[in-house]
C-alpha atoms as a PDB file:
ATOM      1  CA  MET A   1     -57.302 140.322 116.526  1.00  0.00           C
ATOM      2  CA  ASP A   2     -56.272 140.426 120.178  1.00  0.00           C
ATOM      3  CA  GLU A   3     -54.382 137.166 119.656  1.00  0.00           C
ATOM      4  CA  GLY A   4     -52.646 138.563 116.589  1.00  0.00           C
ATOM      5  CA  ARG A   5     -51.736 141.777 118.404  1.00  0.00           C
ATOM      6  CA  SER A   6     -50.367 139.770 121.329  1.00  0.00           C
ATOM      7  CA  ASN A   7     -48.306 137.548 119.019  1.00  0.00           C
ATOM      8  CA  GLU A   8     -46.860 140.483 117.095  1.00  0.00           C
ATOM      9  CA  THR A   9     -46.034 142.599 120.143  1.00  0.00           C
ATOM     10  CA  SER A  10     -44.385 139.618 121.844  1.00  0.00           C
ATOM     11  CA  LEU A  11     -42.022 139.578 118.851  1.00  0.00           C
ATOM     12  CA  GLY A  12     -41.270 143.275 119.342  1.00  0.00           C
ATOM     13  CA  ALA A  13     -43.330 144.549 116.411  1.00  0.00           C
ATOM     14  CA  GLN A  14     -44.556 148.134 116.194  1.00  0.00           C
ATOM     15  CA  ILE A  15     -48.326 148.057 115.610  1.00  0.00           C
ATOM     16  CA  GLN A  16     -50.272 150.584 113.560  1.00  0.00           C
ATOM     17  CA  ASP A  17     -54.077 150.227 113.716  1.00  0.00           C
ATOM     18  CA  THR A  18     -55.908 150.895 110.465  1.00  0.00           C
ATOM     19  CA  THR A  19     -58.956 149.945 108.409  1.00  0.00           C
ATOM     20  CA  ILE A  20     -58.719 148.131 105.088  1.00  0.00           C
ATOM     21  CA  ALA A  21     -61.809 147.681 102.897  1.00  0.00           C
ATOM     22  CA  GLY A  22     -63.992 148.530 105.898  1.00  0.00           C
ATOM     23  CA  ARG A  23     -62.395 145.888 108.119  1.00  0.00           C
ATOM     24  CA  GLN A  24     -60.408 146.343 111.305  1.00  0.00           C
ATOM     25  CA  ALA A  25     -56.735 145.777 110.516  1.00  0.00           C
ATOM     26  CA  MET A  26     -53.251 146.373 111.845  1.00  0.00           C
ATOM     27  CA  ILE A  27     -49.855 146.777 110.252  1.00  0.00           C
ATOM     28  CA  ALA A  28     -46.998 145.207 112.199  1.00  0.00           C
ATOM     29  CA  ARG A  29     -43.443 146.320 111.525  1.00  0.00           C
ATOM     30  CA  GLU A  30     -41.370 143.531 112.988  1.00  0.00           C
ATOM     31  CA  THR A  31     -37.862 143.803 114.389  1.00  0.00           C
ATOM     32  CA  ASP A  32     -36.580 142.239 111.144  1.00  0.00           C
ATOM     33  CA  PRO A  33     -36.184 145.322 108.912  1.00  0.00           C
ATOM     34  CA  GLY A  34     -37.376 143.400 105.838  1.00  0.00           C
ATOM     35  CA  THR A  35     -40.613 141.993 107.290  1.00  0.00           C
ATOM     36  CA  CYS A  36     -44.096 143.511 107.258  1.00  0.00           C
ATOM     37  CA  THR A  37     -47.261 141.795 108.485  1.00  0.00           C
ATOM     38  CA  VAL A  38     -50.836 142.957 107.950  1.00  0.00           C
ATOM     39  CA  LEU A  39     -53.598 141.377 110.028  1.00  0.00           C
ATOM     40  CA  VAL A  40     -57.220 141.782 108.894  1.00  0.00           C
ATOM     41  CA  GLN A  41     -60.346 140.935 110.907  1.00  0.00           C
ATOM     42  CA  THR A  42     -62.796 138.313 109.592  1.00  0.00           C
ATOM     43  CA  LYS A  43     -65.886 136.698 111.139  1.00  0.00           C
ATOM     44  CA  ALA A  44     -63.814 133.639 112.060  1.00  0.00           C
ATOM     45  CA  GLY A  45     -60.738 135.487 113.368  1.00  0.00           C
ATOM     46  CA  TYR A  46     -58.125 137.194 111.246  1.00  0.00           C
ATOM     47  CA  ILE A  47     -56.032 136.759 108.114  1.00  0.00           C
ATOM     48  CA  ASN A  48     -52.281 137.260 108.369  1.00  0.00           C
ATOM     49  CA  PHE A  49     -50.551 138.680 105.268  1.00  0.00           C
ATOM     50  CA  LEU A  50     -46.748 138.658 105.483  1.00  0.00           C
ATOM     51  CA  ARG A  51     -44.167 140.145 103.139  1.00  0.00           C
ATOM     52  CA  ARG A  52     -40.454 139.630 103.491  1.00  0.00           C
ATOM     53  CA  ILE A  53     -38.036 141.722 101.437  1.00  0.00           C
ATOM     54  CA  PHE A  54     -34.642 140.205 100.739  1.00  0.00           C
ATOM     55  CA  ALA A  55     -32.610 143.384 100.260  1.00  0.00           C
ATOM     56  CA  ASP A  56     -29.508 141.458  99.237  1.00  0.00           C
ATOM     57  CA  HIS A  57     -31.385 140.269  96.113  1.00  0.00           C
ATOM     58  CA  ILE A  58     -32.468 143.758  94.990  1.00  0.00           C
ATOM     59  CA  ASN A  59     -30.446 145.908  92.623  1.00  0.00           C
ATOM     60  CA  GLY A  60     -31.048 149.505  93.615  1.00  0.00           C
ATOM     61  CA  PRO A  61     -32.866 151.058  96.553  1.00  0.00           C
ATOM     62  CA  THR A  62     -34.814 148.778  98.880  1.00  0.00           C
ATOM     63  CA  PRO A  63     -38.484 149.757  99.239  1.00  0.00           C
ATOM     64  CA  GLU A  64     -39.922 150.488 102.685  1.00  0.00           C
ATOM     65  CA  ARG A  65     -41.066 147.089 103.916  1.00  0.00           C
ATOM     66  CA  CYS A  66     -44.771 147.982 104.303  1.00  0.00           C
ATOM     67  CA  SER A  67     -44.993 150.186 101.219  1.00  0.00           C
ATOM     68  CA  GLY A  68     -48.031 149.178  99.157  1.00  0.00           C
ATOM     69  CA  MET A  69     -49.163 146.428 101.537  1.00  0.00           C
ATOM     70  CA  THR A  70     -52.570 147.950 102.265  1.00  0.00           C
ATOM     71  CA  ASP A  71     -53.256 148.262  98.514  1.00  0.00           C
ATOM     72  CA  LEU A  72     -52.191 144.639  97.980  1.00  0.00           C
ATOM     73  CA  VAL A  73     -54.392 143.364 100.819  1.00  0.00           C
ATOM     74  CA  GLN A  74     -57.319 145.515  99.685  1.00  0.00           C
ATOM     75  CA  GLY A  75     -57.074 143.898  96.242  1.00  0.00           C
ATOM     76  CA  ILE A  76     -57.092 140.369  97.695  1.00  0.00           C
ATOM     77  CA  LEU A  77     -59.882 140.772 100.281  1.00  0.00           C
ATOM     78  CA  PRO A  78     -62.856 140.704  97.839  1.00  0.00           C
ATOM     79  CA  ARG A  79     -61.728 137.227  96.754  1.00  0.00           C
ATOM     80  CA  VAL A  80     -61.479 136.014 100.374  1.00  0.00           C
ATOM     81  CA  GLY A  81     -64.979 136.937 101.512  1.00  0.00           C
ATOM     82  CA  ASN A  82     -65.759 137.685 105.149  1.00  0.00           C
ATOM     83  CA  ASN A  83     -65.636 134.246 106.702  1.00  0.00           C
END
């Protein structure tokens, strides 16, 4: 997770520490206003989930880039295991 934090902060991301499904995690809001990254701790390191919103392809209001990401990741984690 330290490596992930270092990588994200070197890119200018704002980091928010959190817990998802009982695991250490962080939400990184990158300098690109359409990009959100969620890093989640595993036994072997971390998993990096990235979402990019292409606002020019959306009719109507653009959602906040990290909106719903923790719910999405929480739904995927049981299928990943803890390796």
